[in-house]
Amino acid sequence: MYLNWENGSFVLHNLPWGSHFIHVVTPNIMYAPIRVDINAKGKWRPRKVNILQPSKVEVLPTPMKFNPLGPVRYFQAREQWRITDLLLNPMVLMTVVPLGLILLMPKLGDPETRREVESQLQMPKTDTPDIAEMMTNFLGIGSTPSSSGGGGGAAGGSCDTRRPVRGGAGGARAPRRKDK
């Protein structure tokens, strides 16, 4: 190999036939590799390296010149913050879009449809049983007195184990006295 330091040219001697890749390696600038095909008769053909389509041949002129691709990037550039990143976030979309629909839908509808919806909303409510009342009736904790005669109470009434019996007929509570 002969290298001329003044203009950066070089000459390679006694290369065997076949395909050879020439890579220029510098710490600051990147260069594209070149493939040189040499046949058995000594003829050679430089061409661009195409990794995706190796059969595609793009012959380069001689003498070969290595054109720089750009500076070597050792680090990735920091990603810049953009407002679209925030607005297109799935969580923001899931909260803003329904809120916008709730606010805009009443304004987009025609007046007749709006009156129909308002009339349906103003219909009287049906008497649906209270869930607490249903559960107390189901569990038998209701406040209705039981009509069974037994129970071992003081005066023959039912005995509620949660409240002490204070005497009187039917287990009723004595009225409170007001002290003057």
N, C-alpha and C. Protein backbone atom coordinates (compact mmCIF):
# COMPACT_ATOMS: atom_id res chain seq x y z
N MET A 1 0.86 -1.17 0.00
CA MET A 1 0.00 0.00 0.00
C MET A 1 0.90 1.23 0.00
N TYR A 2 0.52 2.16 -0.83
CA TYR A 2 1.24 3.42 -0.90
C TYR A 2 0.29 4.53 -0.49
N LEU A 3 0.64 5.37 0.47
CA LEU A 3 -0.19 6.45 0.96
C LEU A 3 0.54 7.77 0.79
N ASN A 4 -0.13 8.70 0.11
CA ASN A 4 0.42 10.04 -0.09
C ASN A 4 -0.22 10.95 0.95
N TRP A 5 0.57 11.46 1.89
CA TRP A 5 0.05 12.26 2.97
C TRP A 5 -0.37 13.66 2.53
N GLU A 6 0.15 14.15 1.43
CA GLU A 6 -0.16 15.51 0.99
C GLU A 6 -1.59 15.66 0.52
N ASN A 7 -2.06 14.74 -0.30
CA ASN A 7 -3.44 14.87 -0.81
C ASN A 7 -4.36 13.75 -0.31
N GLY A 8 -3.87 12.83 0.47
CA GLY A 8 -4.69 11.77 1.03
C GLY A 8 -4.95 10.61 0.09
N SER A 9 -4.22 10.54 -1.03
CA SER A 9 -4.44 9.43 -1.97
C SER A 9 -3.64 8.21 -1.52
N PHE A 10 -4.08 7.02 -1.96
CA PHE A 10 -3.38 5.78 -1.62
C PHE A 10 -3.49 4.81 -2.79
N VAL A 11 -2.59 3.89 -2.84
CA VAL A 11 -2.55 2.87 -3.90
C VAL A 11 -2.36 1.52 -3.22
N LEU A 12 -3.16 0.52 -3.66
CA LEU A 12 -3.06 -0.84 -3.11
C LEU A 12 -2.47 -1.74 -4.20
N HIS A 13 -1.49 -2.55 -3.87
CA HIS A 13 -0.83 -3.44 -4.82
C HIS A 13 -1.06 -4.89 -4.41
N ASN A 14 -1.06 -5.77 -5.41
CA ASN A 14 -1.08 -7.24 -5.23
C ASN A 14 -2.27 -7.73 -4.40
N LEU A 15 -3.46 -7.22 -4.72
CA LEU A 15 -4.66 -7.72 -4.06
C LEU A 15 -5.14 -8.98 -4.77
N PRO A 16 -5.58 -10.02 -4.04
CA PRO A 16 -6.11 -11.22 -4.70
C PRO A 16 -7.47 -10.93 -5.32
N TRP A 17 -7.85 -11.75 -6.28
CA TRP A 17 -9.13 -11.53 -6.92
C TRP A 17 -10.26 -11.88 -5.95
N GLY A 18 -11.43 -11.22 -6.14
CA GLY A 18 -12.58 -11.39 -5.27
C GLY A 18 -13.19 -10.04 -4.94
N SER A 19 -14.02 -10.00 -3.95
CA SER A 19 -14.67 -8.75 -3.52
C SER A 19 -13.98 -8.23 -2.27
N HIS A 20 -13.68 -6.95 -2.26
CA HIS A 20 -13.00 -6.31 -1.13
C HIS A 20 -13.79 -5.06 -0.73
N PHE A 21 -13.87 -4.82 0.56
CA PHE A 21 -14.55 -3.63 1.07
C PHE A 21 -13.49 -2.67 1.61
N ILE A 22 -13.65 -1.39 1.25
CA ILE A 22 -12.75 -0.36 1.75
C ILE A 22 -13.54 0.53 2.70
N HIS A 23 -13.10 0.56 3.95
CA HIS A 23 -13.72 1.40 4.97
C HIS A 23 -12.71 2.46 5.41
N VAL A 24 -13.15 3.71 5.39
CA VAL A 24 -12.31 4.79 5.91
C VAL A 24 -12.78 5.05 7.33
N VAL A 25 -11.85 4.96 8.28
CA VAL A 25 -12.19 5.11 9.69
C VAL A 25 -11.48 6.34 10.23
N THR A 26 -12.27 7.31 10.67
CA THR A 26 -11.74 8.49 11.34
C THR A 26 -12.58 8.74 12.59
N PRO A 27 -12.04 9.40 13.59
CA PRO A 27 -12.82 9.59 14.82
C PRO A 27 -13.92 10.65 14.71
N ASN A 28 -13.86 11.54 13.72
CA ASN A 28 -14.82 12.64 13.67
C ASN A 28 -15.75 12.63 12.47
N ILE A 29 -15.38 11.97 11.36
CA ILE A 29 -16.17 12.02 10.13
C ILE A 29 -16.48 10.60 9.67
N MET A 30 -17.73 10.38 9.21
CA MET A 30 -18.14 9.08 8.69
C MET A 30 -18.05 9.09 7.16
N TYR A 31 -17.58 7.97 6.61
CA TYR A 31 -17.50 7.80 5.17
C TYR A 31 -18.25 6.53 4.79
N ALA A 32 -18.86 6.53 3.59
CA ALA A 32 -19.55 5.34 3.11
C ALA A 32 -18.53 4.32 2.63
N PRO A 33 -18.74 3.04 2.93
CA PRO A 33 -17.80 2.02 2.44
C PRO A 33 -17.97 1.82 0.92
N ILE A 34 -16.91 1.34 0.29
CA ILE A 34 -16.93 1.06 -1.14
C ILE A 34 -16.53 -0.39 -1.34
N ARG A 35 -17.23 -1.07 -2.25
CA ARG A 35 -16.91 -2.45 -2.57
C ARG A 35 -16.13 -2.47 -3.89
N VAL A 36 -15.03 -3.17 -3.90
CA VAL A 36 -14.21 -3.29 -5.10
C VAL A 36 -14.19 -4.76 -5.50
N ASP A 37 -14.69 -5.04 -6.71
CA ASP A 37 -14.69 -6.41 -7.23
C ASP A 37 -13.51 -6.54 -8.20
N ILE A 38 -12.67 -7.55 -7.97
CA ILE A 38 -11.52 -7.82 -8.83
C ILE A 38 -11.71 -9.21 -9.42
N ASN A 39 -11.67 -9.33 -10.78
CA ASN A 39 -11.84 -10.65 -11.41
C ASN A 39 -10.47 -11.33 -11.56
N ALA A 40 -10.47 -12.54 -12.06
CA ALA A 40 -9.24 -13.33 -12.17
C ALA A 40 -8.26 -12.73 -13.17
N LYS A 41 -8.72 -11.94 -14.12
CA LYS A 41 -7.85 -11.35 -15.12
C LYS A 41 -7.21 -10.06 -14.62
N GLY A 42 -7.64 -9.56 -13.46
CA GLY A 42 -7.06 -8.35 -12.90
C GLY A 42 -7.88 -7.10 -13.13
N LYS A 43 -9.02 -7.21 -13.80
CA LYS A 43 -9.88 -6.04 -13.98
C LYS A 43 -10.63 -5.79 -12.68
N TRP A 44 -10.85 -4.55 -12.35
CA TRP A 44 -11.52 -4.21 -11.11
C TRP A 44 -12.62 -3.19 -11.36
N ARG A 45 -13.63 -3.22 -10.45
CA ARG A 45 -14.80 -2.34 -10.60
C ARG A 45 -15.22 -1.88 -9.21
N PRO A 46 -15.10 -0.56 -8.91
CA PRO A 46 -15.58 -0.06 -7.62
C PRO A 46 -17.09 0.24 -7.70
N ARG A 47 -17.80 -0.05 -6.62
CA ARG A 47 -19.24 0.23 -6.59
C ARG A 47 -19.68 0.53 -5.17
N LYS A 48 -20.85 1.17 -5.08
CA LYS A 48 -21.41 1.49 -3.76
C LYS A 48 -21.89 0.22 -3.09
N VAL A 49 -21.79 0.21 -1.78
CA VAL A 49 -22.29 -0.92 -1.00
C VAL A 49 -23.78 -0.72 -0.78
N ASN A 50 -24.58 -1.70 -1.22
CA ASN A 50 -26.02 -1.66 -1.02
C ASN A 50 -26.39 -2.91 -0.24
N ILE A 51 -26.67 -2.74 1.05
CA ILE A 51 -26.94 -3.90 1.91
C ILE A 51 -28.32 -4.48 1.62
N LEU A 52 -29.28 -3.61 1.30
CA LEU A 52 -30.65 -4.09 1.07
C LEU A 52 -30.80 -4.79 -0.27
N GLN A 53 -30.12 -4.31 -1.31
CA GLN A 53 -30.19 -4.93 -2.63
C GLN A 53 -28.77 -5.17 -3.14
N PRO A 54 -28.15 -6.27 -2.74
CA PRO A 54 -26.75 -6.50 -3.15
C PRO A 54 -26.60 -6.72 -4.65
N SER A 55 -27.65 -7.14 -5.33
CA SER A 55 -27.53 -7.37 -6.77
C SER A 55 -27.57 -6.06 -7.56
N LYS A 56 -28.03 -4.98 -6.95
CA LYS A 56 -28.07 -3.69 -7.62
C LYS A 56 -26.66 -3.11 -7.66
N VAL A 57 -26.15 -2.88 -8.85
CA VAL A 57 -24.78 -2.42 -9.01
C VAL A 57 -24.80 -0.95 -9.42
N GLU A 58 -24.14 -0.12 -8.62
CA GLU A 58 -23.99 1.29 -8.94
C GLU A 58 -22.49 1.56 -8.99
N VAL A 59 -21.96 1.57 -10.22
CA VAL A 59 -20.52 1.69 -10.43
C VAL A 59 -20.07 3.12 -10.14
N LEU A 60 -18.92 3.24 -9.46
CA LEU A 60 -18.35 4.54 -9.14
C LEU A 60 -17.24 4.88 -10.13
N PRO A 61 -17.02 6.16 -10.38
CA PRO A 61 -15.94 6.54 -11.29
C PRO A 61 -14.57 6.35 -10.64
N THR A 62 -13.57 6.17 -11.49
CA THR A 62 -12.20 6.06 -10.99
C THR A 62 -11.44 7.32 -11.37
N PRO A 63 -10.55 7.81 -10.64
CA PRO A 63 -10.11 7.39 -9.31
C PRO A 63 -11.22 7.61 -8.28
N MET A 64 -11.28 6.71 -7.32
CA MET A 64 -12.33 6.75 -6.30
C MET A 64 -12.12 7.93 -5.37
N LYS A 65 -13.24 8.58 -5.03
CA LYS A 65 -13.20 9.66 -4.04
C LYS A 65 -14.18 9.31 -2.92
N PHE A 66 -13.69 9.41 -1.72
CA PHE A 66 -14.55 9.15 -0.57
C PHE A 66 -15.16 10.46 -0.11
N ASN A 67 -16.47 10.57 -0.23
CA ASN A 67 -17.18 11.77 0.21
C ASN A 67 -17.69 11.55 1.62
N PRO A 68 -17.51 12.52 2.49
CA PRO A 68 -17.96 12.33 3.88
C PRO A 68 -19.49 12.32 3.98
N LEU A 69 -20.01 11.45 4.84
CA LEU A 69 -21.45 11.39 5.09
C LEU A 69 -21.88 12.41 6.14
N GLY A 70 -20.97 12.75 7.01
CA GLY A 70 -21.28 13.70 8.07
C GLY A 70 -20.44 13.41 9.29
N PRO A 71 -20.63 14.20 10.32
CA PRO A 71 -19.85 13.97 11.54
C PRO A 71 -20.34 12.71 12.27
N VAL A 72 -19.45 12.08 12.99
CA VAL A 72 -19.79 10.90 13.77
C VAL A 72 -20.59 11.35 14.98
N ARG A 73 -21.74 10.71 15.18
CA ARG A 73 -22.58 11.02 16.35
C ARG A 73 -22.41 9.90 17.36
N TYR A 74 -21.73 10.20 18.43
CA TYR A 74 -21.52 9.20 19.47
C TYR A 74 -22.68 9.11 20.44
N PHE A 75 -23.42 10.20 20.58
CA PHE A 75 -24.53 10.24 21.52
C PHE A 75 -25.81 10.60 20.78
N GLN A 76 -26.91 10.13 21.30
CA GLN A 76 -28.20 10.49 20.71
C GLN A 76 -28.59 11.88 21.19
N ALA A 77 -29.23 12.60 20.29
CA ALA A 77 -29.70 13.93 20.66
C ALA A 77 -30.87 13.79 21.62
N ARG A 78 -30.93 14.68 22.59
CA ARG A 78 -32.01 14.64 23.57
C ARG A 78 -33.32 14.99 22.89
N GLU A 79 -34.37 14.23 23.22
CA GLU A 79 -35.67 14.48 22.62
C GLU A 79 -36.24 15.78 23.15
N GLN A 80 -36.76 16.59 22.23
CA GLN A 80 -37.31 17.89 22.59
C GLN A 80 -38.76 17.71 23.06
N TRP A 81 -39.19 18.53 24.01
CA TRP A 81 -40.55 18.48 24.51
C TRP A 81 -41.44 19.30 23.59
N ARG A 82 -42.58 18.72 23.21
CA ARG A 82 -43.53 19.41 22.35
C ARG A 82 -44.91 19.33 22.99
N ILE A 83 -45.73 20.32 22.73
CA ILE A 83 -47.09 20.35 23.29
C ILE A 83 -47.93 19.23 22.70
N THR A 84 -47.64 18.80 21.48
CA THR A 84 -48.42 17.71 20.88
C THR A 84 -48.20 16.41 21.63
N ASP A 85 -47.03 16.22 22.23
CA ASP A 85 -46.79 15.02 23.04
C ASP A 85 -47.76 14.96 24.21
N LEU A 86 -48.04 16.10 24.79
CA LEU A 86 -48.97 16.15 25.92
C LEU A 86 -50.41 15.97 25.44
N LEU A 87 -50.77 16.65 24.36
CA LEU A 87 -52.16 16.60 23.89
C LEU A 87 -52.54 15.25 23.30
N LEU A 88 -51.60 14.54 22.71
CA LEU A 88 -51.89 13.25 22.12
C LEU A 88 -51.62 12.08 23.06
N ASN A 89 -51.38 12.38 24.32
CA ASN A 89 -51.22 11.35 25.33
C ASN A 89 -52.56 10.62 25.49
N PRO A 90 -52.57 9.29 25.52
CA PRO A 90 -53.84 8.56 25.61
C PRO A 90 -54.68 8.94 26.83
N MET A 91 -54.06 9.20 27.97
CA MET A 91 -54.83 9.55 29.15
C MET A 91 -55.50 10.91 29.00
N VAL A 92 -54.83 11.85 28.36
CA VAL A 92 -55.42 13.16 28.14
C VAL A 92 -56.56 13.04 27.13
N LEU A 93 -56.36 12.25 26.09
CA LEU A 93 -57.43 12.05 25.10
C LEU A 93 -58.66 11.40 25.73
N MET A 94 -58.43 10.45 26.65
CA MET A 94 -59.55 9.76 27.27
C MET A 94 -60.35 10.67 28.19
N THR A 95 -59.77 11.75 28.67
CA THR A 95 -60.52 12.65 29.53
C THR A 95 -61.06 13.86 28.77
N VAL A 96 -60.31 14.38 27.81
CA VAL A 96 -60.72 15.60 27.12
C VAL A 96 -61.81 15.31 26.08
N VAL A 97 -61.70 14.24 25.33
CA VAL A 97 -62.67 13.96 24.27
C VAL A 97 -64.07 13.72 24.84
N PRO A 98 -64.27 12.86 25.84
CA PRO A 98 -65.62 12.72 26.38
C PRO A 98 -66.15 14.01 27.01
N LEU A 99 -65.29 14.76 27.68
CA LEU A 99 -65.72 16.02 28.26
C LEU A 99 -66.18 16.98 27.16
N GLY A 100 -65.44 17.04 26.08
CA GLY A 100 -65.84 17.88 24.95
C GLY A 100 -67.15 17.42 24.34
N LEU A 101 -67.35 16.12 24.24
CA LEU A 101 -68.62 15.61 23.70
C LEU A 101 -69.79 15.96 24.62
N ILE A 102 -69.57 15.85 25.92
CA ILE A 102 -70.64 16.18 26.87
C ILE A 102 -71.02 17.66 26.76
N LEU A 103 -70.02 18.51 26.58
CA LEU A 103 -70.30 19.94 26.51
C LEU A 103 -70.86 20.37 25.15
N LEU A 104 -70.47 19.72 24.07
CA LEU A 104 -70.87 20.16 22.74
C LEU A 104 -72.14 19.48 22.21
N MET A 105 -72.45 18.29 22.66
CA MET A 105 -73.60 17.56 22.11
C MET A 105 -74.92 18.30 22.31
N PRO A 106 -75.20 18.91 23.45
CA PRO A 106 -76.47 19.62 23.57
C PRO A 106 -76.58 20.78 22.60
N LYS A 107 -75.49 21.39 22.22
CA LYS A 107 -75.54 22.53 21.30
C LYS A 107 -75.67 22.09 19.85
N LEU A 108 -75.32 20.85 19.54
CA LEU A 108 -75.36 20.39 18.16
C LEU A 108 -76.72 19.83 17.77
N GLY A 109 -77.53 19.38 18.73
CA GLY A 109 -78.82 18.76 18.42
C GLY A 109 -79.88 19.77 18.02
N ASP A 110 -80.91 19.28 17.32
CA ASP A 110 -82.01 20.17 16.94
C ASP A 110 -82.95 20.37 18.12
N PRO A 111 -83.75 21.44 18.14
CA PRO A 111 -84.60 21.77 19.29
C PRO A 111 -85.66 20.70 19.58
N GLU A 112 -86.17 20.05 18.54
CA GLU A 112 -87.21 19.04 18.76
C GLU A 112 -86.66 17.85 19.54
N THR A 113 -85.49 17.38 19.17
CA THR A 113 -84.88 16.27 19.89
C THR A 113 -84.55 16.67 21.32
N ARG A 114 -84.12 17.91 21.52
CA ARG A 114 -83.81 18.38 22.86
C ARG A 114 -85.06 18.38 23.73
N ARG A 115 -86.22 18.81 23.17
CA ARG A 115 -87.46 18.79 23.95
C ARG A 115 -87.86 17.37 24.32
N GLU A 116 -87.67 16.43 23.39
CA GLU A 116 -88.01 15.03 23.69
C GLU A 116 -87.16 14.50 24.84
N VAL A 117 -85.87 14.78 24.81
CA VAL A 117 -84.98 14.31 25.88
C VAL A 117 -85.34 14.94 27.21
N GLU A 118 -85.63 16.25 27.20
CA GLU A 118 -86.00 16.92 28.45
C GLU A 118 -87.32 16.37 29.00
N SER A 119 -88.28 16.05 28.12
CA SER A 119 -89.55 15.50 28.61
C SER A 119 -89.34 14.10 29.20
N GLN A 120 -88.43 13.33 28.62
CA GLN A 120 -88.16 12.01 29.18
C GLN A 120 -87.46 12.12 30.53
N LEU A 121 -86.63 13.14 30.71
CA LEU A 121 -85.94 13.32 31.98
C LEU A 121 -86.88 13.81 33.07
N GLN A 122 -87.99 14.52 32.69
CA GLN A 122 -88.91 15.07 33.68
C GLN A 122 -90.04 14.12 34.03
N MET A 123 -90.03 12.91 33.49
CA MET A 123 -91.08 11.95 33.82
C MET A 123 -91.02 11.62 35.30
N PRO A 124 -92.19 11.37 35.93
CA PRO A 124 -92.16 11.05 37.36
C PRO A 124 -91.43 9.73 37.59
N LYS A 125 -90.75 9.68 38.72
CA LYS A 125 -89.99 8.48 39.04
C LYS A 125 -90.94 7.42 39.56
N THR A 126 -90.65 6.20 39.22
CA THR A 126 -91.46 5.09 39.73
C THR A 126 -91.05 4.81 41.16
N ASP A 127 -91.96 4.18 41.91
CA ASP A 127 -91.67 3.86 43.31
C ASP A 127 -90.80 2.62 43.34
N THR A 128 -89.54 2.83 43.38
CA THR A 128 -88.62 1.70 43.50
C THR A 128 -88.28 1.52 44.97
N PRO A 129 -88.23 0.29 45.42
CA PRO A 129 -87.96 0.06 46.85
C PRO A 129 -86.52 0.44 47.19
N ASP A 130 -86.37 0.90 48.40
CA ASP A 130 -85.06 1.26 48.90
C ASP A 130 -84.29 -0.01 49.20
N ILE A 131 -83.04 -0.06 48.83
CA ILE A 131 -82.24 -1.27 49.02
C ILE A 131 -82.04 -1.57 50.51
N ALA A 132 -81.93 -0.53 51.33
CA ALA A 132 -81.77 -0.76 52.77
C ALA A 132 -83.03 -1.38 53.36
N GLU A 133 -84.18 -0.89 52.91
CA GLU A 133 -85.45 -1.45 53.39
C GLU A 133 -85.60 -2.90 52.95
N MET A 134 -85.22 -3.19 51.72
CA MET A 134 -85.31 -4.57 51.23
C MET A 134 -84.43 -5.50 52.06
N MET A 135 -83.23 -5.06 52.40
CA MET A 135 -82.32 -5.91 53.16
C MET A 135 -82.83 -6.13 54.59
N THR A 136 -83.38 -5.11 55.22
CA THR A 136 -83.89 -5.30 56.59
C THR A 136 -85.09 -6.23 56.59
N ASN A 137 -85.94 -6.13 55.58
CA ASN A 137 -87.09 -7.06 55.50
C ASN A 137 -86.62 -8.47 55.22
N PHE A 138 -85.62 -8.60 54.39
CA PHE A 138 -85.12 -9.93 54.04
C PHE A 138 -84.45 -10.60 55.24
N LEU A 139 -83.71 -9.86 56.02
CA LEU A 139 -83.01 -10.43 57.16
C LEU A 139 -83.88 -10.53 58.40
N GLY A 140 -85.08 -9.97 58.37
CA GLY A 140 -85.99 -10.07 59.52
C GLY A 140 -85.63 -9.15 60.65
N ILE A 141 -84.99 -8.04 60.39
CA ILE A 141 -84.61 -7.12 61.44
C ILE A 141 -85.61 -5.98 61.51
N GLY A 142 -86.70 -6.10 60.81
CA GLY A 142 -87.66 -5.01 60.68
C GLY A 142 -88.18 -4.52 62.01
N SER A 143 -88.79 -3.33 62.03
CA SER A 143 -89.27 -2.72 63.26
C SER A 143 -90.70 -3.11 63.57
N THR A 144 -91.33 -4.00 62.80
CA THR A 144 -92.70 -4.41 63.09
C THR A 144 -92.69 -5.38 64.24
N PRO A 145 -93.59 -5.22 65.24
CA PRO A 145 -93.61 -6.14 66.38
C PRO A 145 -94.10 -7.51 65.95
N SER A 146 -93.53 -8.54 66.51
CA SER A 146 -93.96 -9.88 66.13
C SER A 146 -95.20 -10.24 66.95
N SER A 147 -96.07 -11.04 66.37
CA SER A 147 -97.34 -11.36 67.02
C SER A 147 -97.28 -12.68 67.75
N SER A 148 -96.13 -13.29 67.87
CA SER A 148 -96.04 -14.58 68.55
C SER A 148 -96.12 -14.35 70.06
N GLY A 149 -96.80 -15.25 70.74
CA GLY A 149 -97.04 -15.10 72.18
C GLY A 149 -95.86 -15.48 73.02
N GLY A 150 -95.05 -16.44 72.60
CA GLY A 150 -93.92 -16.88 73.41
C GLY A 150 -92.76 -15.93 73.26
N GLY A 151 -91.78 -16.08 74.08
CA GLY A 151 -90.61 -15.26 73.92
C GLY A 151 -89.95 -15.00 75.25
N GLY A 152 -90.61 -15.28 76.32
CA GLY A 152 -89.99 -15.15 77.63
C GLY A 152 -89.79 -13.73 78.05
N GLY A 153 -90.58 -12.79 77.56
CA GLY A 153 -90.45 -11.40 77.97
C GLY A 153 -91.04 -11.19 79.34
N ALA A 154 -90.92 -10.02 79.90
CA ALA A 154 -91.39 -9.72 81.25
C ALA A 154 -92.90 -9.75 81.32
N ALA A 155 -93.61 -9.25 80.34
CA ALA A 155 -95.06 -9.22 80.40
C ALA A 155 -95.67 -10.05 79.30
N GLY A 156 -94.96 -11.01 78.75
CA GLY A 156 -95.51 -11.89 77.73
C GLY A 156 -95.28 -11.36 76.33
N GLY A 157 -94.62 -10.24 76.13
CA GLY A 157 -94.37 -9.71 74.78
C GLY A 157 -93.07 -10.27 74.23
N SER A 158 -92.73 -9.83 73.03
CA SER A 158 -91.48 -10.30 72.43
C SER A 158 -90.31 -9.59 73.09
N CYS A 159 -89.23 -10.27 73.12
CA CYS A 159 -88.05 -9.72 73.77
C CYS A 159 -87.02 -9.39 72.71
N ASP A 160 -86.64 -8.14 72.63
CA ASP A 160 -85.61 -7.71 71.70
C ASP A 160 -84.29 -7.76 72.45
N THR A 161 -83.37 -8.55 71.96
CA THR A 161 -82.11 -8.75 72.69
C THR A 161 -81.21 -7.54 72.60
N ARG A 162 -81.50 -6.63 71.70
CA ARG A 162 -80.65 -5.45 71.58
C ARG A 162 -81.01 -4.39 72.61
N ARG A 163 -82.25 -4.35 73.07
CA ARG A 163 -82.68 -3.33 74.02
C ARG A 163 -83.15 -4.02 75.31
N PRO A 164 -82.77 -3.51 76.43
CA PRO A 164 -83.26 -4.10 77.68
C PRO A 164 -84.73 -3.76 77.88
N VAL A 165 -85.46 -4.72 78.44
CA VAL A 165 -86.89 -4.50 78.72
C VAL A 165 -86.99 -3.77 80.05
N ARG A 166 -87.77 -2.69 80.09
CA ARG A 166 -87.85 -1.88 81.30
C ARG A 166 -89.17 -2.07 82.03
N GLY A 167 -89.90 -3.02 81.66
CA GLY A 167 -91.16 -3.25 82.38
C GLY A 167 -92.31 -2.61 81.63
N GLY A 168 -93.50 -2.83 82.15
CA GLY A 168 -94.68 -2.30 81.50
C GLY A 168 -95.29 -3.36 80.62
N ALA A 169 -96.44 -3.07 80.07
CA ALA A 169 -97.17 -4.04 79.27
C ALA A 169 -96.54 -4.17 77.89
N GLY A 170 -96.37 -5.38 77.47
CA GLY A 170 -95.90 -5.66 76.11
C GLY A 170 -94.45 -5.27 75.89
N GLY A 171 -93.71 -5.07 76.93
CA GLY A 171 -92.30 -4.74 76.76
C GLY A 171 -92.08 -3.32 76.29
N ALA A 172 -93.10 -2.47 76.48
CA ALA A 172 -92.95 -1.09 76.03
C ALA A 172 -92.06 -0.33 76.98
N ARG A 173 -91.46 0.69 76.51
CA ARG A 173 -90.58 1.49 77.34
C ARG A 173 -91.40 2.48 78.15
N ALA A 174 -90.91 2.75 79.31
CA ALA A 174 -91.59 3.72 80.17
C ALA A 174 -91.29 5.11 79.68
N PRO A 175 -92.27 6.01 79.71
CA PRO A 175 -92.01 7.38 79.25
C PRO A 175 -91.03 8.07 80.18
N ARG A 176 -90.26 8.99 79.64
CA ARG A 176 -89.27 9.71 80.44
C ARG A 176 -89.96 10.76 81.30
N ARG A 177 -89.39 10.94 82.46
CA ARG A 177 -89.92 11.96 83.33
C ARG A 177 -89.17 13.24 83.10
N LYS A 178 -89.88 14.29 83.15
CA LYS A 178 -89.24 15.59 83.04
C LYS A 178 -89.11 16.16 84.43
N ASP A 179 -87.93 16.41 84.88
CA ASP A 179 -87.71 17.01 86.20
C ASP A 179 -87.79 18.51 86.09
N LYS A 180 -88.54 19.07 86.97
CA LYS A 180 -88.71 20.53 86.93
C LYS A 180 -87.89 21.20 87.95
